[in-house]
Amino acid sequence: MHVEVPRIPDRDALVALLRDDGFDARPVDELGIEVKGEGDVLGDLETWIAQTEIPLVPQPTEGTIYLRPPAS
């Protein structure tokens, strides 16, 4: 699974969170995260968004979850 985030601080925080939840997560490229392991990556991302109150919306596609600001 690949996750794309809008900012580097978000990427770093999510890598740490996903690792704490038992995933093999590592930063790739400037704003990407490669995630391996069993579990609910999307659920972890949604929980993180709710806890941090960062206005992001997860947009899953085939093999990638993009975290984007909501459309205005």
N, C-alpha and C. Protein backbone atom coordinates (compact mmCIF):
# COMPACT_ATOMS: atom_id res chain seq x y z
N MET A 1 0.85 -1.16 0.00
CA MET A 1 0.00 0.00 0.00
C MET A 1 0.90 1.23 0.00
N HIS A 2 0.46 2.23 -0.70
CA HIS A 2 1.19 3.49 -0.77
C HIS A 2 0.27 4.59 -0.25
N VAL A 3 0.81 5.50 0.54
CA VAL A 3 0.06 6.64 1.07
C VAL A 3 0.78 7.91 0.62
N GLU A 4 0.03 8.89 0.14
CA GLU A 4 0.57 10.19 -0.24
C GLU A 4 -0.02 11.24 0.67
N VAL A 5 0.84 12.07 1.26
CA VAL A 5 0.40 13.11 2.18
C VAL A 5 0.77 14.49 1.63
N PRO A 6 0.14 15.56 2.12
CA PRO A 6 0.41 16.88 1.55
C PRO A 6 1.65 17.58 2.11
N ARG A 7 2.14 17.14 3.30
CA ARG A 7 3.28 17.84 3.91
C ARG A 7 4.24 16.85 4.55
N ILE A 8 5.51 17.20 4.58
CA ILE A 8 6.53 16.34 5.18
C ILE A 8 6.27 16.07 6.67
N PRO A 9 5.88 17.08 7.49
CA PRO A 9 5.61 16.76 8.90
C PRO A 9 4.49 15.72 9.06
N ASP A 10 3.48 15.78 8.18
CA ASP A 10 2.41 14.78 8.22
C ASP A 10 2.97 13.40 7.89
N ARG A 11 3.84 13.33 6.91
CA ARG A 11 4.43 12.05 6.53
C ARG A 11 5.20 11.45 7.69
N ASP A 12 6.02 12.25 8.33
CA ASP A 12 6.83 11.75 9.44
C ASP A 12 5.97 11.27 10.61
N ALA A 13 4.92 12.02 10.92
CA ALA A 13 4.03 11.62 12.01
C ALA A 13 3.30 10.33 11.67
N LEU A 14 2.86 10.18 10.43
CA LEU A 14 2.14 8.97 10.03
C LEU A 14 3.06 7.75 9.97
N VAL A 15 4.28 7.93 9.56
CA VAL A 15 5.23 6.81 9.57
C VAL A 15 5.38 6.29 11.00
N ALA A 16 5.54 7.20 11.95
CA ALA A 16 5.68 6.79 13.35
C ALA A 16 4.41 6.09 13.85
N LEU A 17 3.25 6.64 13.54
CA LEU A 17 1.99 6.04 13.96
C LEU A 17 1.81 4.65 13.38
N LEU A 18 2.05 4.51 12.10
CA LEU A 18 1.87 3.21 11.45
C LEU A 18 2.85 2.18 11.99
N ARG A 19 4.07 2.58 12.26
CA ARG A 19 5.03 1.66 12.86
C ARG A 19 4.58 1.23 14.25
N ASP A 20 4.07 2.19 15.03
CA ASP A 20 3.58 1.86 16.37
C ASP A 20 2.42 0.87 16.31
N ASP A 21 1.65 0.91 15.23
CA ASP A 21 0.51 0.00 15.07
C ASP A 21 0.90 -1.31 14.40
N GLY A 22 2.21 -1.55 14.23
CA GLY A 22 2.69 -2.83 13.74
C GLY A 22 2.92 -2.95 12.25
N PHE A 23 2.79 -1.85 11.52
CA PHE A 23 3.05 -1.88 10.09
C PHE A 23 4.54 -1.64 9.83
N ASP A 24 5.01 -2.16 8.72
CA ASP A 24 6.34 -1.83 8.22
C ASP A 24 6.14 -0.62 7.32
N ALA A 25 6.39 0.57 7.86
CA ALA A 25 6.16 1.81 7.12
C ALA A 25 7.48 2.56 6.97
N ARG A 26 7.68 3.11 5.76
CA ARG A 26 8.91 3.89 5.53
C ARG A 26 8.61 5.01 4.55
N PRO A 27 9.26 6.16 4.74
CA PRO A 27 9.07 7.26 3.81
C PRO A 27 9.68 6.92 2.45
N VAL A 28 9.01 7.32 1.40
CA VAL A 28 9.53 7.20 0.04
C VAL A 28 9.24 8.50 -0.70
N ASP A 29 10.11 8.84 -1.59
CA ASP A 29 9.99 10.11 -2.31
C ASP A 29 9.84 11.24 -1.29
N GLU A 30 9.30 12.36 -1.72
CA GLU A 30 9.20 13.50 -0.80
C GLU A 30 7.99 13.39 0.13
N LEU A 31 6.86 12.92 -0.39
CA LEU A 31 5.63 12.94 0.40
C LEU A 31 4.93 11.59 0.47
N GLY A 32 5.64 10.53 0.16
CA GLY A 32 5.01 9.21 0.14
C GLY A 32 5.41 8.35 1.32
N ILE A 33 4.57 7.34 1.57
CA ILE A 33 4.84 6.34 2.60
C ILE A 33 4.52 4.98 2.00
N GLU A 34 5.45 4.07 2.08
CA GLU A 34 5.23 2.69 1.67
C GLU A 34 4.86 1.90 2.92
N VAL A 35 3.71 1.23 2.88
CA VAL A 35 3.19 0.53 4.06
C VAL A 35 3.01 -0.95 3.72
N LYS A 36 3.61 -1.81 4.55
CA LYS A 36 3.45 -3.26 4.40
C LYS A 36 2.95 -3.82 5.72
N GLY A 37 2.18 -4.86 5.62
CA GLY A 37 1.68 -5.52 6.82
C GLY A 37 0.19 -5.72 6.75
N GLU A 38 -0.30 -6.44 7.73
CA GLU A 38 -1.72 -6.75 7.81
C GLU A 38 -2.40 -5.75 8.74
N GLY A 39 -3.57 -5.31 8.37
CA GLY A 39 -4.32 -4.40 9.22
C GLY A 39 -5.06 -3.38 8.38
N ASP A 40 -5.70 -2.45 9.07
CA ASP A 40 -6.56 -1.45 8.44
C ASP A 40 -5.82 -0.12 8.35
N VAL A 41 -5.06 0.07 7.28
CA VAL A 41 -4.31 1.30 7.09
C VAL A 41 -5.27 2.49 7.02
N LEU A 42 -6.33 2.36 6.24
CA LEU A 42 -7.30 3.45 6.09
C LEU A 42 -7.90 3.83 7.44
N GLY A 43 -8.22 2.85 8.26
CA GLY A 43 -8.75 3.13 9.59
C GLY A 43 -7.77 3.90 10.45
N ASP A 44 -6.49 3.52 10.39
CA ASP A 44 -5.45 4.24 11.14
C ASP A 44 -5.35 5.69 10.65
N LEU A 45 -5.42 5.89 9.34
CA LEU A 45 -5.33 7.24 8.79
C LEU A 45 -6.54 8.08 9.24
N GLU A 46 -7.72 7.49 9.20
CA GLU A 46 -8.92 8.22 9.62
C GLU A 46 -8.86 8.58 11.10
N THR A 47 -8.36 7.67 11.93
CA THR A 47 -8.20 7.96 13.36
C THR A 47 -7.21 9.10 13.57
N TRP A 48 -6.09 9.06 12.87
CA TRP A 48 -5.07 10.12 12.99
C TRP A 48 -5.65 11.46 12.57
N ILE A 49 -6.39 11.50 11.47
CA ILE A 49 -7.00 12.75 11.01
C ILE A 49 -7.95 13.29 12.08
N ALA A 50 -8.78 12.43 12.67
CA ALA A 50 -9.72 12.86 13.70
C ALA A 50 -8.99 13.38 14.94
N GLN A 51 -7.92 12.71 15.34
CA GLN A 51 -7.19 13.10 16.55
C GLN A 51 -6.44 14.41 16.36
N THR A 52 -5.86 14.61 15.17
CA THR A 52 -5.07 15.82 14.93
C THR A 52 -5.92 16.98 14.47
N GLU A 53 -7.14 16.70 14.02
CA GLU A 53 -8.05 17.71 13.49
C GLU A 53 -7.47 18.45 12.28
N ILE A 54 -6.55 17.80 11.57
CA ILE A 54 -6.03 18.37 10.33
C ILE A 54 -7.10 18.15 9.26
N PRO A 55 -7.49 19.17 8.53
CA PRO A 55 -8.56 19.02 7.55
C PRO A 55 -8.10 18.27 6.29
N LEU A 56 -8.08 16.94 6.40
CA LEU A 56 -7.70 16.09 5.28
C LEU A 56 -8.78 15.05 5.04
N VAL A 57 -8.89 14.65 3.80
CA VAL A 57 -9.85 13.62 3.42
C VAL A 57 -9.07 12.50 2.75
N PRO A 58 -9.19 11.24 3.24
CA PRO A 58 -8.52 10.14 2.55
C PRO A 58 -9.27 9.77 1.28
N GLN A 59 -8.51 9.65 0.19
CA GLN A 59 -9.08 9.26 -1.10
C GLN A 59 -8.38 7.99 -1.57
N PRO A 60 -8.97 6.82 -1.25
CA PRO A 60 -8.34 5.56 -1.68
C PRO A 60 -8.55 5.32 -3.17
N THR A 61 -7.49 4.87 -3.81
CA THR A 61 -7.54 4.40 -5.18
C THR A 61 -6.86 3.04 -5.19
N GLU A 62 -6.71 2.45 -6.31
CA GLU A 62 -6.09 1.13 -6.39
C GLU A 62 -4.62 1.20 -5.95
N GLY A 63 -4.35 0.70 -4.74
CA GLY A 63 -2.98 0.62 -4.25
C GLY A 63 -2.44 1.86 -3.58
N THR A 64 -3.19 2.99 -3.61
CA THR A 64 -2.71 4.24 -3.01
C THR A 64 -3.85 4.92 -2.27
N ILE A 65 -3.51 5.52 -1.13
CA ILE A 65 -4.45 6.37 -0.42
C ILE A 65 -3.86 7.77 -0.42
N TYR A 66 -4.58 8.71 -1.01
CA TYR A 66 -4.16 10.11 -1.03
C TYR A 66 -4.85 10.85 0.10
N LEU A 67 -4.11 11.61 0.88
CA LEU A 67 -4.69 12.49 1.90
C LEU A 67 -4.70 13.90 1.31
N ARG A 68 -5.89 14.42 1.10
CA ARG A 68 -6.06 15.71 0.44
C ARG A 68 -6.92 16.64 1.29
N PRO A 69 -6.71 17.95 1.13
CA PRO A 69 -7.64 18.89 1.78
C PRO A 69 -9.03 18.73 1.18
N PRO A 70 -10.07 18.99 1.96
CA PRO A 70 -11.43 18.85 1.43
C PRO A 70 -11.68 19.86 0.31
N ALA A 71 -12.53 19.49 -0.62
CA ALA A 71 -12.88 20.41 -1.71
C ALA A 71 -13.73 21.54 -1.15
N SER A 72 -13.50 22.73 -1.68
CA SER A 72 -14.29 23.86 -1.17
C SER A 72 -15.40 24.22 -2.11
